[in-house]
Protein backbone atom coordinates (compact mmCIF):
# COMPACT_ATOMS: atom_id res chain seq x y z
CA UNK A 1 -41.45 -12.41 -4.68
CA UNK A 2 -39.84 -9.14 -3.67
CA UNK A 3 -36.07 -9.20 -3.27
CA UNK A 4 -34.74 -6.64 -0.80
CA UNK A 5 -31.00 -6.44 -0.44
CA UNK A 6 -28.25 -4.28 0.81
CA UNK A 7 -24.52 -4.28 1.20
CA UNK A 8 -23.54 -1.92 3.98
CA UNK A 9 -21.38 1.08 3.19
CA UNK A 10 -18.01 0.54 4.81
CA UNK A 11 -15.01 2.61 5.85
CA UNK A 12 -12.48 2.62 8.63
CA UNK A 13 -12.17 4.84 11.66
CA UNK A 14 -9.05 6.99 11.59
CA UNK A 15 -7.65 5.19 14.61
CA UNK A 16 -7.50 1.97 12.60
CA UNK A 17 -5.23 3.59 10.04
CA UNK A 18 -2.29 4.52 12.24
CA UNK A 19 0.89 3.50 10.46
CA UNK A 20 -0.66 3.31 7.01
CA UNK A 21 1.01 5.27 4.24
CA UNK A 22 -0.76 8.46 3.20
CA UNK A 23 -2.34 8.73 6.65
CA UNK A 24 -3.80 12.20 6.11
CA UNK A 25 -5.66 11.19 2.95
CA UNK A 26 -7.08 8.04 4.50
CA UNK A 27 -7.93 9.72 7.79
CA UNK A 28 -10.12 12.14 5.85
CA UNK A 29 -11.72 9.23 4.04
CA UNK A 30 -12.30 7.42 7.30
CA UNK A 31 -13.87 10.47 8.86
CA UNK A 32 -16.43 10.42 6.07
CA UNK A 33 -17.09 6.70 6.29
CA UNK A 34 -16.72 5.51 9.83
CA UNK A 35 -17.35 1.83 10.34
CA UNK A 36 -18.25 -0.37 13.27
CA UNK A 37 -18.73 -4.08 13.69
CA UNK A 38 -22.41 -3.50 14.31
CA UNK A 39 -22.69 -1.59 11.02
CA UNK A 40 -21.14 -4.44 9.09
CA UNK A 41 -23.15 -7.26 10.62
CA UNK A 42 -26.37 -5.26 10.71
CA UNK A 43 -29.41 -5.47 12.90
CA UNK A 44 -32.10 -8.14 13.19
CA UNK A 45 -33.24 -9.69 9.95
CA UNK A 46 -36.70 -9.85 8.51
CA UNK A 47 -38.86 -12.85 7.81
CA UNK A 48 -38.87 -16.14 9.68
CA UNK A 49 -35.84 -18.17 8.54
CA UNK A 50 -32.21 -17.16 8.01
CA UNK A 51 -29.51 -18.77 5.89
CA UNK A 52 -25.79 -18.08 6.33
CA UNK A 53 -23.67 -18.82 3.27
CA UNK A 54 -19.87 -19.22 3.11
CA UNK A 55 -18.17 -20.64 0.05
CA UNK A 56 -14.79 -21.14 -1.63
CA UNK A 57 -12.76 -20.30 1.46
CA UNK A 58 -9.93 -22.54 0.17
CA UNK A 59 -8.63 -23.26 3.68
CA UNK A 60 -7.82 -19.59 4.34
CA UNK A 61 -8.20 -19.21 8.09
CA UNK A 62 -6.19 -15.97 8.35
CA UNK A 63 -7.07 -12.41 7.29
CA UNK A 64 -5.66 -11.87 3.81
CA UNK A 65 -5.53 -9.49 0.88
CA UNK A 66 -7.48 -10.68 -2.14
CA UNK A 67 -7.79 -8.64 -5.33
CA UNK A 68 -10.96 -9.11 -7.35
CA UNK A 69 -10.65 -9.62 -11.13
CA UNK A 70 -9.91 -6.87 -13.60
CA UNK A 71 -11.28 -8.95 -16.49
CA UNK A 72 -14.32 -11.23 -16.15
CA UNK A 73 -15.71 -11.65 -19.64
CA UNK A 74 -19.11 -13.12 -20.37
CA UNK A 75 -20.19 -14.66 -23.67
CA UNK A 76 -23.53 -14.93 -25.35
CA UNK A 77 -26.58 -13.83 -23.41
CA UNK A 78 -24.63 -13.09 -20.20
CA UNK A 79 -22.19 -10.61 -21.76
CA UNK A 80 -22.27 -7.42 -19.71
CA UNK A 81 -24.38 -8.92 -16.93
CA UNK A 82 -23.19 -9.56 -13.36
CA UNK A 83 -20.77 -11.09 -12.60
CA UNK A 84 -19.28 -10.21 -15.99
CA UNK A 85 -18.68 -6.57 -15.20
CA UNK A 86 -15.72 -5.04 -13.39
CA UNK A 87 -14.34 -1.65 -12.40
CA UNK A 88 -16.44 1.34 -13.41
CA UNK A 89 -19.22 -0.83 -14.80
CA UNK A 90 -19.50 -2.73 -11.51
CA UNK A 91 -19.52 0.48 -9.47
CA UNK A 92 -22.18 2.00 -11.70
CA UNK A 93 -24.39 -1.09 -11.58
CA UNK A 94 -24.42 -1.23 -7.78
CA UNK A 95 -24.05 2.43 -6.81
CA UNK A 96 -20.54 2.10 -5.37
CA UNK A 97 -18.42 5.18 -4.73
CA UNK A 98 -14.88 5.04 -6.08
CA UNK A 99 -12.35 4.72 -3.26
CA UNK A 100 -14.92 3.51 -0.76
CA UNK A 101 -14.59 0.34 1.24
CA UNK A 102 -17.24 -1.28 -0.92
CA UNK A 103 -15.05 -0.45 -3.89
CA UNK A 104 -12.01 -2.01 -2.22
CA UNK A 105 -13.92 -5.14 -1.26
CA UNK A 106 -15.65 -5.72 -4.59
CA UNK A 107 -13.43 -4.36 -7.39
CA UNK A 108 -9.78 -4.25 -8.45
CA UNK A 109 -9.11 -0.56 -9.06
CA UNK A 110 -6.46 1.20 -6.97
CA UNK A 111 -6.17 -2.02 -5.00
CA UNK A 112 -2.78 -1.38 -3.41
CA UNK A 113 -3.65 2.06 -2.03
CA UNK A 114 -7.03 0.87 -0.78
CA UNK A 115 -5.50 -2.25 0.75
CA UNK A 116 -3.12 -0.09 2.77
CA UNK A 117 -6.09 1.92 3.99
CA UNK A 118 -8.70 -0.71 4.65
CA UNK A 119 -6.47 -3.63 5.55
CA UNK A 120 -6.94 -7.35 5.21
CA UNK A 121 -10.23 -9.17 4.93
CA UNK A 122 -11.47 -12.51 6.18
CA UNK A 123 -10.24 -14.69 8.99
CA UNK A 124 -12.24 -17.63 10.29
CA UNK A 125 -12.29 -16.18 13.80
CA UNK A 126 -13.97 -13.04 12.42
CA UNK A 127 -16.40 -15.16 10.42
CA UNK A 128 -17.25 -16.97 13.66
CA UNK A 129 -18.07 -13.62 15.25
CA UNK A 130 -20.47 -12.84 12.41
CA UNK A 131 -22.10 -16.27 12.55
CA UNK A 132 -22.60 -16.00 16.31
CA UNK A 133 -24.11 -12.54 15.93
CA UNK A 134 -26.58 -13.81 13.35
CA UNK A 135 -27.45 -16.77 15.55
CA UNK A 136 -27.90 -14.40 18.47
CA UNK A 137 -30.64 -12.76 16.44
CA UNK A 138 -31.92 -15.99 14.91
CA UNK A 139 -30.71 -19.08 16.83
CA UNK A 140 -32.00 -21.52 14.23
CA UNK A 141 -30.16 -19.93 11.31
CA UNK A 142 -28.83 -22.52 8.87
CA UNK A 143 -25.07 -22.29 8.24
CA UNK A 144 -24.30 -23.61 4.75
CA UNK A 145 -20.87 -24.26 3.22
CA UNK A 146 -20.63 -24.17 -0.58
CA UNK A 147 -17.43 -26.24 -0.82
CA UNK A 148 -13.77 -25.73 -1.74
CA UNK A 149 -13.17 -25.73 1.99
CA UNK A 150 -10.62 -28.48 2.70
CA UNK A 151 -7.96 -27.39 0.16
CA UNK A 152 -5.74 -24.36 -0.41
CA UNK A 153 -3.25 -24.03 2.45
CA UNK A 154 -0.23 -25.81 3.89
CA UNK A 155 -2.06 -27.03 7.03
CA UNK A 156 -4.99 -28.34 4.98
CA UNK A 157 -2.59 -30.19 2.68
CA UNK A 158 -0.56 -31.66 5.54
CA UNK A 159 -3.66 -32.81 7.47
CA UNK A 160 -5.61 -33.92 4.36
CA UNK A 161 -8.34 -31.44 5.22
CA UNK A 162 -8.72 -32.46 8.87
CA UNK A 163 -7.96 -28.95 10.13
CA UNK A 164 -10.76 -27.38 8.10
CA UNK A 165 -13.21 -30.14 8.96
CA UNK A 166 -12.59 -29.51 12.63
CA UNK A 167 -12.92 -25.73 12.25
CA UNK A 168 -16.15 -25.85 10.22
CA UNK A 169 -17.60 -28.34 12.68
CA UNK A 170 -16.89 -25.80 15.41
CA UNK A 171 -18.49 -23.06 13.32
CA UNK A 172 -21.77 -24.97 13.54
CA UNK A 173 -22.09 -25.76 9.85
CA UNK A 174 -25.33 -27.58 8.99
CA UNK A 175 -24.63 -28.76 5.44
CA UNK A 176 -22.00 -28.58 2.71
CA UNK A 177 -21.26 -29.63 -0.84
CA UNK A 178 -17.90 -30.10 -2.55
CA UNK A 179 -15.38 -29.70 -5.35
CA UNK A 180 -11.66 -29.65 -4.45
CA UNK A 181 -12.49 -31.87 -1.51
CA UNK A 182 -12.43 -34.83 -3.91
CA UNK A 183 -8.80 -34.15 -4.85
CA UNK A 184 -7.98 -35.66 -1.45
CA UNK A 185 -9.19 -38.91 -3.03
CA UNK A 186 -12.59 -40.51 -2.65
CA UNK A 187 -11.39 -42.80 0.14
CA UNK A 188 -10.30 -39.84 2.25
CA UNK A 189 -13.59 -38.05 1.51
CA UNK A 190 -15.52 -41.12 2.66
CA UNK A 191 -13.45 -41.32 5.85
CA UNK A 192 -14.20 -37.68 6.64
CA UNK A 193 -17.91 -37.90 5.81
CA UNK A 194 -18.40 -41.08 7.83
CA UNK A 195 -16.15 -40.37 10.80
CA UNK A 196 -15.15 -36.71 11.18
CA UNK A 197 -17.76 -34.43 9.63
CA UNK A 198 -20.72 -32.95 11.54
CA UNK A 199 -22.54 -31.18 8.66
CA UNK A 200 -24.57 -33.11 6.13
CA UNK A 201 -22.46 -33.80 3.02
CA UNK A 202 -24.80 -33.28 0.08
CA UNK A 203 -24.40 -34.07 -3.61
CA UNK A 204 -27.51 -34.83 -5.61
CA UNK A 205 -25.40 -35.10 -8.77
CA UNK A 206 -22.76 -37.54 -7.42
CA UNK A 207 -23.41 -41.14 -8.52
CA UNK A 208 -21.67 -44.47 -8.24
CA UNK A 209 -20.12 -44.89 -11.70
CA UNK A 210 -20.64 -48.67 -11.83
CA UNK A 211 -24.15 -48.97 -10.47
CA UNK A 212 -25.47 -45.54 -11.53
CA UNK A 213 -26.89 -44.99 -8.07
CA UNK A 214 -26.65 -41.96 -5.77
CA UNK A 215 -23.35 -41.99 -3.89
CA UNK A 216 -24.20 -39.33 -1.27
CA UNK A 217 -27.32 -37.84 0.22
CA UNK A 218 -28.94 -35.44 -2.25
CA UNK A 219 -30.90 -33.33 0.23
CA UNK A 220 -31.48 -32.56 3.88
CA UNK A 221 -34.74 -31.29 5.34
CA UNK A 222 -34.46 -28.84 8.23
CA UNK A 223 -37.33 -27.64 10.37
CA UNK A 224 -36.85 -23.96 11.11
CA UNK A 225 -39.37 -21.46 12.41
CA UNK A 226 -42.14 -23.99 12.04
CA UNK A 227 -41.32 -24.56 8.37
CA UNK A 228 -39.58 -27.30 6.42
CA UNK A 229 -36.52 -26.03 4.56
CA UNK A 230 -35.04 -28.30 1.89
CA UNK A 231 -31.31 -27.88 1.24
CA UNK A 232 -30.15 -29.69 -1.90
CA UNK A 233 -26.46 -30.16 -2.61
CA UNK A 234 -24.90 -29.86 -6.06
CA UNK A 235 -21.18 -30.70 -6.22
CA UNK A 236 -18.92 -29.39 -8.99
CA UNK A 237 -20.25 -31.22 -12.06
CA UNK A 238 -17.05 -31.48 -14.09
CA UNK A 239 -14.74 -33.21 -11.62
CA UNK A 240 -13.21 -35.83 -13.98
CA UNK A 241 -12.46 -33.12 -16.59
CA UNK A 242 -11.07 -30.32 -14.43
CA UNK A 243 -9.42 -32.56 -11.82
CA UNK A 244 -7.79 -36.03 -11.88
CA UNK A 245 -10.48 -38.64 -12.38
CA UNK A 246 -8.12 -41.36 -11.13
CA UNK A 247 -8.50 -39.91 -7.64
CA UNK A 248 -12.22 -40.78 -7.55
CA UNK A 249 -12.65 -43.46 -10.25
CA UNK A 250 -15.80 -44.99 -8.78
CA UNK A 251 -17.75 -41.72 -8.90
CA UNK A 252 -19.47 -39.83 -11.71
CA UNK A 253 -20.74 -36.26 -11.59
CA UNK A 254 -22.41 -34.00 -14.16
CA UNK A 255 -25.10 -31.33 -14.02
CA UNK A 256 -27.85 -33.98 -14.13
CA UNK A 257 -30.68 -31.57 -14.84
CA UNK A 258 -33.38 -34.25 -14.76
CA UNK A 259 -32.08 -35.56 -11.44
CA UNK A 260 -32.16 -32.05 -9.98
CA UNK A 261 -35.74 -31.55 -11.12
CA UNK A 262 -36.69 -34.83 -9.43
CA UNK A 263 -35.06 -33.84 -6.14
CA UNK A 264 -36.72 -30.42 -6.21
CA UNK A 265 -40.09 -32.05 -6.77
CA UNK A 266 -39.38 -34.53 -3.96
CA UNK A 267 -38.66 -31.63 -1.63
CA UNK A 268 -41.98 -30.03 -2.51
CA UNK A 269 -43.79 -33.33 -2.09
CA UNK A 270 -42.31 -33.61 1.41
CA UNK A 271 -43.78 -30.24 2.34
CA UNK A 272 -40.81 -27.90 1.87
CA UNK A 273 -41.82 -24.28 2.30
CA UNK A 274 -38.51 -23.23 0.76
CA UNK A 275 -36.12 -25.06 -1.56
CA UNK A 276 -32.49 -23.98 -1.34
CA UNK A 277 -29.83 -25.22 -3.77
CA UNK A 278 -26.36 -25.26 -2.19
CA UNK A 279 -24.37 -25.29 -5.40
CA UNK A 280 -20.82 -25.47 -6.67
CA UNK A 281 -21.82 -25.25 -10.33
CA UNK A 282 -20.48 -21.76 -11.04
CA UNK A 283 -22.61 -18.67 -11.52
CA UNK A 284 -23.53 -18.96 -15.21
CA UNK A 285 -24.36 -22.66 -14.90
CA UNK A 286 -26.62 -21.87 -11.96
CA UNK A 287 -28.23 -19.01 -13.87
CA UNK A 288 -29.18 -21.43 -16.66
CA UNK A 289 -30.23 -24.12 -14.18
CA UNK A 290 -32.56 -21.64 -12.46
CA UNK A 291 -34.25 -20.95 -15.79
CA UNK A 292 -34.49 -24.64 -16.67
CA UNK A 293 -35.80 -25.99 -13.35
CA UNK A 294 -38.77 -24.30 -11.66
CA UNK A 295 -39.35 -24.55 -7.94
CA UNK A 296 -35.95 -23.48 -6.53
CA UNK A 297 -36.34 -20.43 -4.30
CA UNK A 298 -32.69 -19.66 -3.60
CA UNK A 299 -29.45 -20.81 -5.24
CA UNK A 300 -26.41 -20.26 -3.05
CA UNK A 301 -23.86 -20.37 -5.84
CA UNK A 302 -20.14 -21.06 -5.68
CA UNK A 303 -17.05 -22.11 -7.65
CA UNK A 304 -16.56 -18.96 -9.75
CA UNK A 305 -15.69 -16.85 -6.67
CA UNK A 306 -18.06 -14.04 -7.61
CA UNK A 307 -19.10 -11.51 -4.99
CA UNK A 308 -22.31 -9.71 -5.96
CA UNK A 309 -23.93 -7.30 -3.48
CA UNK A 310 -27.48 -8.01 -4.66
CA UNK A 311 -29.34 -11.18 -5.61
CA UNK A 312 -29.61 -11.86 -9.32
CA UNK A 313 -33.19 -12.87 -10.02
CA UNK A 314 -34.02 -15.54 -12.61
CA UNK A 315 -37.77 -15.68 -12.59
CA UNK A 316 -38.65 -16.39 -8.96
CA UNK A 317 -35.23 -17.82 -8.11
CA UNK A 318 -32.70 -15.66 -6.27
CA UNK A 319 -29.03 -16.34 -7.05
CA UNK A 320 -26.71 -15.41 -4.17
CA UNK A 321 -22.96 -15.08 -4.82
CA UNK A 322 -20.88 -14.80 -1.63
CA UNK A 323 -17.33 -14.35 -2.92
CA UNK A 324 -14.36 -16.42 -1.77
CA UNK A 325 -11.44 -16.75 0.64
CA UNK A 326 -13.53 -15.69 3.62
CA UNK A 327 -13.95 -12.10 2.39
CA UNK A 328 -17.73 -12.19 2.75
CA UNK A 329 -20.55 -13.96 4.53
CA UNK A 330 -24.05 -13.82 3.07
CA UNK A 331 -27.10 -13.61 5.28
CA UNK A 332 -30.36 -14.48 3.53
CA UNK A 333 -33.63 -13.91 5.40
CA UNK A 334 -36.68 -15.72 4.07
CA UNK A 335 -40.20 -14.52 4.77
CA UNK A 336 -42.31 -17.68 4.75
CA UNK A 337 -45.92 -18.61 5.19
CA UNK A 338 -48.04 -21.60 4.30
CA UNK A 339 -47.81 -20.80 0.60
CA UNK A 340 -44.01 -20.64 0.52
CA UNK A 341 -41.52 -17.78 0.14
CA UNK A 342 -43.12 -14.34 0.20
CA UNK A 343 -39.92 -12.29 0.30
CA UNK A 344 -36.15 -12.40 0.52
CA UNK A 345 -33.70 -10.02 2.15
CA UNK A 346 -29.99 -10.46 1.36
CA UNK A 347 -27.06 -8.92 3.19
CA UNK A 348 -23.52 -9.42 1.86
CA UNK A 349 -21.37 -8.87 4.93
CA UNK A 350 -17.76 -7.83 4.25
CA UNK A 351 -15.30 -9.32 6.74
CA UNK A 352 -12.99 -6.34 7.40
CA UNK A 353 -10.55 -7.94 9.80
CA UNK A 354 -9.53 -4.67 11.47
CA UNK A 355 -13.15 -3.95 12.38
CA UNK A 356 -14.77 -7.28 13.24
CA UNK A 357 -13.41 -8.65 16.51
CA UNK A 358 -12.06 -12.21 16.45
CA UNK A 359 -14.12 -14.78 18.29
CA UNK A 360 -11.84 -16.04 21.11
CA UNK A 361 -12.90 -19.68 20.90
CA UNK A 362 -12.42 -19.92 17.15
CA UNK A 363 -9.18 -17.92 17.33
CA UNK A 364 -7.77 -20.42 19.83
CA UNK A 365 -8.85 -23.39 17.72
CA UNK A 366 -7.38 -21.89 14.54
CA UNK A 367 -4.09 -21.29 16.33
CA UNK A 368 -4.10 -24.87 17.58
CA UNK A 369 -4.58 -26.27 14.06
CA UNK A 370 -1.77 -24.07 12.71
CA UNK A 371 0.72 -24.60 15.52
CA UNK A 372 2.38 -27.78 14.14
CA UNK A 373 3.22 -25.92 10.93
CA UNK A 374 3.85 -22.39 12.22
CA UNK A 375 7.64 -22.45 11.98
CA UNK A 376 7.61 -24.01 8.53
CA UNK A 377 5.02 -21.53 7.21
CA UNK A 378 6.72 -18.43 8.60
CA UNK A 379 10.06 -18.91 6.82
CA UNK A 380 10.78 -15.86 4.65
CA UNK A 381 11.79 -16.68 1.07
CA UNK A 382 12.09 -13.16 -0.31
CA UNK A 383 9.97 -10.07 -0.81
CA UNK A 384 7.91 -8.53 -3.56
CA UNK A 385 7.99 -5.08 -5.09
CA UNK A 386 5.01 -6.03 -7.28
CA UNK A 387 1.38 -6.71 -6.46
CA UNK A 388 0.95 -10.48 -6.55
CA UNK A 389 -2.57 -11.62 -7.30
CA UNK A 390 -4.37 -14.48 -8.97
CA UNK A 391 -7.74 -13.72 -10.48
CA UNK A 392 -8.85 -12.81 -13.97
CA UNK A 393 -9.63 -14.55 -17.23
CA UNK A 394 -6.11 -14.53 -18.71
CA UNK A 395 -3.30 -13.86 -16.31
CA UNK A 396 -2.38 -12.88 -12.78
CA UNK A 397 0.99 -11.88 -11.41
CA UNK A 398 1.22 -14.88 -9.10
CA UNK A 399 0.91 -17.07 -12.19
CA UNK A 400 3.42 -14.92 -14.06
CA UNK A 401 5.83 -15.63 -11.21
CA UNK A 402 5.04 -19.35 -11.30
CA UNK A 403 5.54 -19.47 -15.08
CA UNK A 404 8.86 -17.62 -14.78
CA UNK A 405 9.93 -20.13 -12.14
CA UNK A 406 8.99 -23.07 -14.36
CA UNK A 407 10.93 -21.69 -17.32
CA UNK A 408 13.98 -20.85 -15.22
CA UNK A 409 14.14 -23.80 -12.86
CA UNK A 410 12.99 -26.45 -15.35
CA UNK A 411 14.91 -25.00 -18.33
CA UNK A 412 11.88 -24.73 -20.59
CA UNK A 413 10.86 -22.65 -23.59
CA UNK A 414 7.24 -22.32 -22.51
CA UNK A 415 5.40 -22.67 -19.21
CA UNK A 416 1.77 -23.55 -18.57
CA UNK A 417 0.02 -22.80 -15.28
CA UNK A 418 -3.62 -23.77 -14.69
CA UNK A 419 -6.27 -21.06 -14.50
CA UNK A 420 -6.94 -21.55 -10.80
CA UNK A 421 -8.92 -18.83 -9.03
CA UNK A 422 -7.70 -19.60 -5.51
CA UNK A 423 -4.81 -17.90 -3.75
CA UNK A 424 -4.31 -14.84 -1.55
CA UNK A 425 -2.74 -11.61 -2.82
CA UNK A 426 0.40 -9.83 -1.60
CA UNK A 427 0.91 -6.09 -1.86
CA UNK A 428 4.25 -4.43 -2.75
CA UNK A 429 6.70 -4.35 0.13
CA UNK A 430 5.47 -7.56 1.74
CA UNK A 431 7.76 -10.43 2.56
CA UNK A 432 7.01 -13.69 0.77
CA UNK A 433 6.79 -16.59 3.19
CA UNK A 434 6.42 -20.29 2.58
CA UNK A 435 2.80 -19.96 3.66
CA UNK A 436 2.21 -17.45 0.87
CA UNK A 437 3.63 -19.82 -1.74
CA UNK A 438 1.49 -22.71 -0.47
CA UNK A 439 -1.60 -20.48 -0.55
CA UNK A 440 -1.29 -20.51 -4.36
CA UNK A 441 0.10 -24.03 -4.87
CA UNK A 442 -1.19 -26.35 -2.10
CA UNK A 443 -2.79 -29.30 -3.81
CA UNK A 444 -2.52 -33.08 -3.98
CA UNK A 445 -1.13 -33.39 -7.54
CA UNK A 446 1.61 -30.69 -7.56
CA UNK A 447 4.25 -32.31 -9.79
CA UNK A 448 6.03 -29.82 -12.05
CA UNK A 449 6.47 -31.78 -15.28
CA UNK A 450 8.88 -31.11 -18.14
CA UNK A 451 7.99 -32.43 -21.56
CA UNK A 452 7.97 -31.63 -25.27
CA UNK A 453 4.94 -30.45 -27.20
CA UNK A 454 4.59 -29.60 -30.86
CA UNK A 455 3.22 -26.23 -31.82
CA UNK A 456 0.15 -28.00 -33.19
CA UNK A 457 -0.48 -29.76 -29.87
CA UNK A 458 0.00 -26.49 -27.94
CA UNK A 459 -2.62 -24.85 -30.13
CA UNK A 460 -5.03 -27.72 -29.47
CA UNK A 461 -4.49 -27.42 -25.72
CA UNK A 462 -5.12 -23.67 -25.81
CA UNK A 463 -8.26 -24.07 -27.89
CA UNK A 464 -9.67 -26.73 -25.58
CA UNK A 465 -9.15 -24.59 -22.49
CA UNK A 466 -10.60 -21.53 -24.22
CA UNK A 467 -13.76 -23.47 -25.06
CA UNK A 468 -14.10 -24.49 -21.42
CA UNK A 469 -14.20 -20.80 -20.56
CA UNK A 470 -15.93 -19.14 -23.51
CA UNK A 471 -18.41 -21.68 -24.87
CA UNK A 472 -21.69 -19.74 -25.21
CA UNK A 473 -23.57 -22.57 -23.49
CA UNK A 474 -22.78 -22.41 -19.75
CA UNK A 475 -23.29 -26.16 -19.46
CA UNK A 476 -20.11 -26.62 -21.52
CA UNK A 477 -17.98 -24.25 -19.44
CA UNK A 478 -16.09 -26.93 -17.60
CA UNK A 479 -13.07 -25.34 -15.91
CA UNK A 480 -11.58 -22.28 -14.29
CA UNK A 481 -9.99 -19.34 -16.04
CA UNK A 482 -7.75 -19.49 -19.11
CA UNK A 483 -4.51 -21.43 -18.78
CA UNK A 484 -1.70 -19.02 -17.92
CA UNK A 485 1.32 -19.08 -20.21
CA UNK A 486 4.95 -18.07 -19.87
CA UNK A 487 7.29 -17.58 -22.81
CA UNK A 488 4.32 -17.63 -25.20
CA UNK A 489 2.19 -14.83 -26.64
CA UNK A 490 -1.08 -15.25 -28.51
CA UNK A 491 -4.23 -13.58 -29.74
CA UNK A 492 -7.68 -14.79 -28.66
CA UNK A 493 -11.04 -13.86 -30.14
CA UNK A 494 -13.63 -15.09 -27.66
CA UNK A 495 -16.47 -14.62 -30.16
CA UNK A 496 -15.10 -17.30 -32.49
CA UNK A 497 -16.11 -20.99 -32.36
CA UNK A 498 -13.93 -23.72 -30.90
CA UNK A 499 -10.79 -24.27 -32.93
CA UNK A 500 -10.70 -20.70 -34.26
CA UNK A 501 -10.24 -18.61 -31.12
CA UNK A 502 -6.43 -18.81 -30.75
CA UNK A 503 -4.07 -17.31 -33.32
CA UNK A 504 -0.72 -15.52 -33.68
CA UNK A 505 1.04 -17.79 -31.19
CA UNK A 506 4.58 -16.48 -30.68
CA UNK A 507 7.67 -17.71 -28.84
CA UNK A 508 8.51 -14.61 -26.81
CA UNK A 509 12.20 -15.46 -26.41
CA UNK A 510 12.82 -15.15 -30.15
CA UNK A 511 9.74 -13.37 -31.44
CA UNK A 512 9.23 -16.18 -33.94
CA UNK A 513 5.79 -17.62 -34.69
CA UNK A 514 5.05 -20.98 -33.11
CA UNK A 515 5.64 -23.62 -35.77
CA UNK A 516 3.01 -26.39 -35.71
CA UNK A 517 5.61 -29.01 -36.62
CA UNK A 518 8.34 -27.90 -34.18
CA UNK A 519 8.69 -29.41 -30.70
CA UNK A 520 9.09 -27.04 -27.75
CA UNK A 521 10.21 -27.78 -24.20
CA UNK A 522 7.20 -27.12 -22.00
CA UNK A 523 7.07 -27.06 -18.20
CA UNK A 524 3.85 -27.04 -16.24
CA UNK A 525 2.11 -28.41 -13.18
CA UNK A 526 -1.18 -29.82 -11.93
CA UNK A 527 -1.52 -32.34 -14.74
CA UNK A 528 -4.63 -34.50 -14.41
CA UNK A 529 -2.70 -37.48 -15.80
CA UNK A 530 -1.83 -40.24 -13.36
CA UNK A 531 1.88 -40.91 -12.88
CA UNK A 532 3.08 -37.38 -13.72
CA UNK A 533 6.67 -36.92 -12.54
CA UNK A 534 8.52 -33.85 -11.32
CA UNK A 535 9.28 -31.86 -8.18
CA UNK A 536 6.32 -30.29 -6.35
CA UNK A 537 5.54 -26.86 -7.71
CA UNK A 538 6.14 -25.14 -4.37
CA UNK A 539 9.77 -26.28 -4.40
CA UNK A 540 10.21 -24.86 -7.89
CA UNK A 541 8.68 -21.51 -6.92
CA UNK A 542 10.59 -21.31 -3.62
CA UNK A 543 13.90 -21.90 -5.39
CA UNK A 544 13.11 -19.18 -7.92
CA UNK A 545 12.10 -16.64 -5.27
CA UNK A 546 15.24 -17.32 -3.23
CA UNK A 547 17.33 -16.82 -6.35
CA UNK A 548 15.65 -13.49 -7.10
CA UNK A 549 15.52 -12.16 -3.55
CA UNK A 550 13.06 -9.47 -4.59
CA UNK A 551 10.25 -10.29 -7.00
CA UNK A 552 9.61 -7.56 -9.56
CA UNK A 553 7.31 -8.29 -12.48
CA UNK A 554 6.79 -6.31 -15.65
CA UNK A 555 3.23 -5.82 -16.93
CA UNK A 556 2.12 -8.86 -18.92
CA UNK A 557 0.87 -7.87 -22.37
CA UNK A 558 1.49 -11.19 -24.07
CA UNK A 559 -2.21 -11.95 -24.60
CA UNK A 560 -4.15 -9.89 -27.15
CA UNK A 561 -7.84 -10.23 -26.29
CA UNK A 562 -10.53 -9.61 -28.89
CA UNK A 563 -14.07 -9.56 -27.54
CA UNK A 564 -15.92 -9.42 -30.85
């Protein structure tokens, strides 16, 4: 199989930069890298069948800023391999010029300056324009949603995902899988799947916990271009660990490698010319799965929010990573014949919202879904003089702000904030609205708890989370990024085994070492325990921002990272 791929060079025309700071500098840049909608979307594809992949949009229907991670460490055999490279290493690996639009879209460096030049990315109305353009070239293109779609915004929370279901129905989605969808509760998921959802809801690894039987359809066969295309769904395998199991007690998940091999073989037995895995495993899990299970042609991977401009090949399997928050759409063209897949062409399409025109029909529908909440979302709470972002292995400034709010508003010594990857960025000088706060907090178990933990228990918690992230076996990497901490400093050696990674824990307020036998007041949120009490986290953060007026954060150097 020959993998051909390209991510189009991108820039902005000078006319799009009027009003941006440093206009002369960026006008010169734009003159060198002029960009059109046609350039971004590209011309007709090759082959006979096209796939369109969108994943991890987290209910973001509007153009946003989103900073990619500065630190994305890999362990074991994947150390130094995509997606575990950032900055200069990423640019070198993929031939990206510093300061270019590709650089802005795919890396973190000089983010604020580049954001002012290139503008926001995403927007479901712009995505609709891209999807329609692809379908204009190839009407039978399959539109596939990798999950984390119904959660992550105020409207999605208020409607229990109904707004996003309606919008992705209108987009013409053919199939989807899931993760955060299940935090609406399994009853709500069933109601949506059975009464509201047009796409096929696929999860080969979701079973009824009592009867050990499949709970949802594992696979859908689509006839396209005279060929049978099998799309297999793989939901997030660690739901009861990373999210509250009491919300879906009758369901069990897991990687289920043997089950996946059976479904792949079934697809082949039914005459599939191509087998596509629509996955929410996370990139490293999918990389191992591709090596363990032959017969998968393409894995459309999700969960870890990676955006990689070229397929990563594992044997004959192409792994496609399409980013998050609506920043990118992947187009995958398959060249098929009677013997199967002869070639793959991949195009990672960046959704520059100042360049791609909004689709009028989708724009009107998005506005309709947002209208009941528009006044509430637009209320200004304060402003920021700091870049607010959430993405990276150890900390992000949004989580620093949340931790500060928890310590201040809940009168705590230490704050814990989950290592979530979702949430839009804000650049310095922007107002902070209620919508912005909900974009990083909107979830169905938001209680901000206040409790006491001994130093020994805190160490255990930190070690457990670190193993979820840095276990050398991807099948044991069961969560997001490292838990964010406020009021606490520590040293982590990711090369050590579980139980020995975390050391030198320090209470920042006093500079004293954390005493294993001493109890500390700890505030946090998003506990997976049923019956957790406390105000919703967005109320805590709003109160803190109003008190500050202007958010200004010092660099966070409380975590000393040793990579071995």
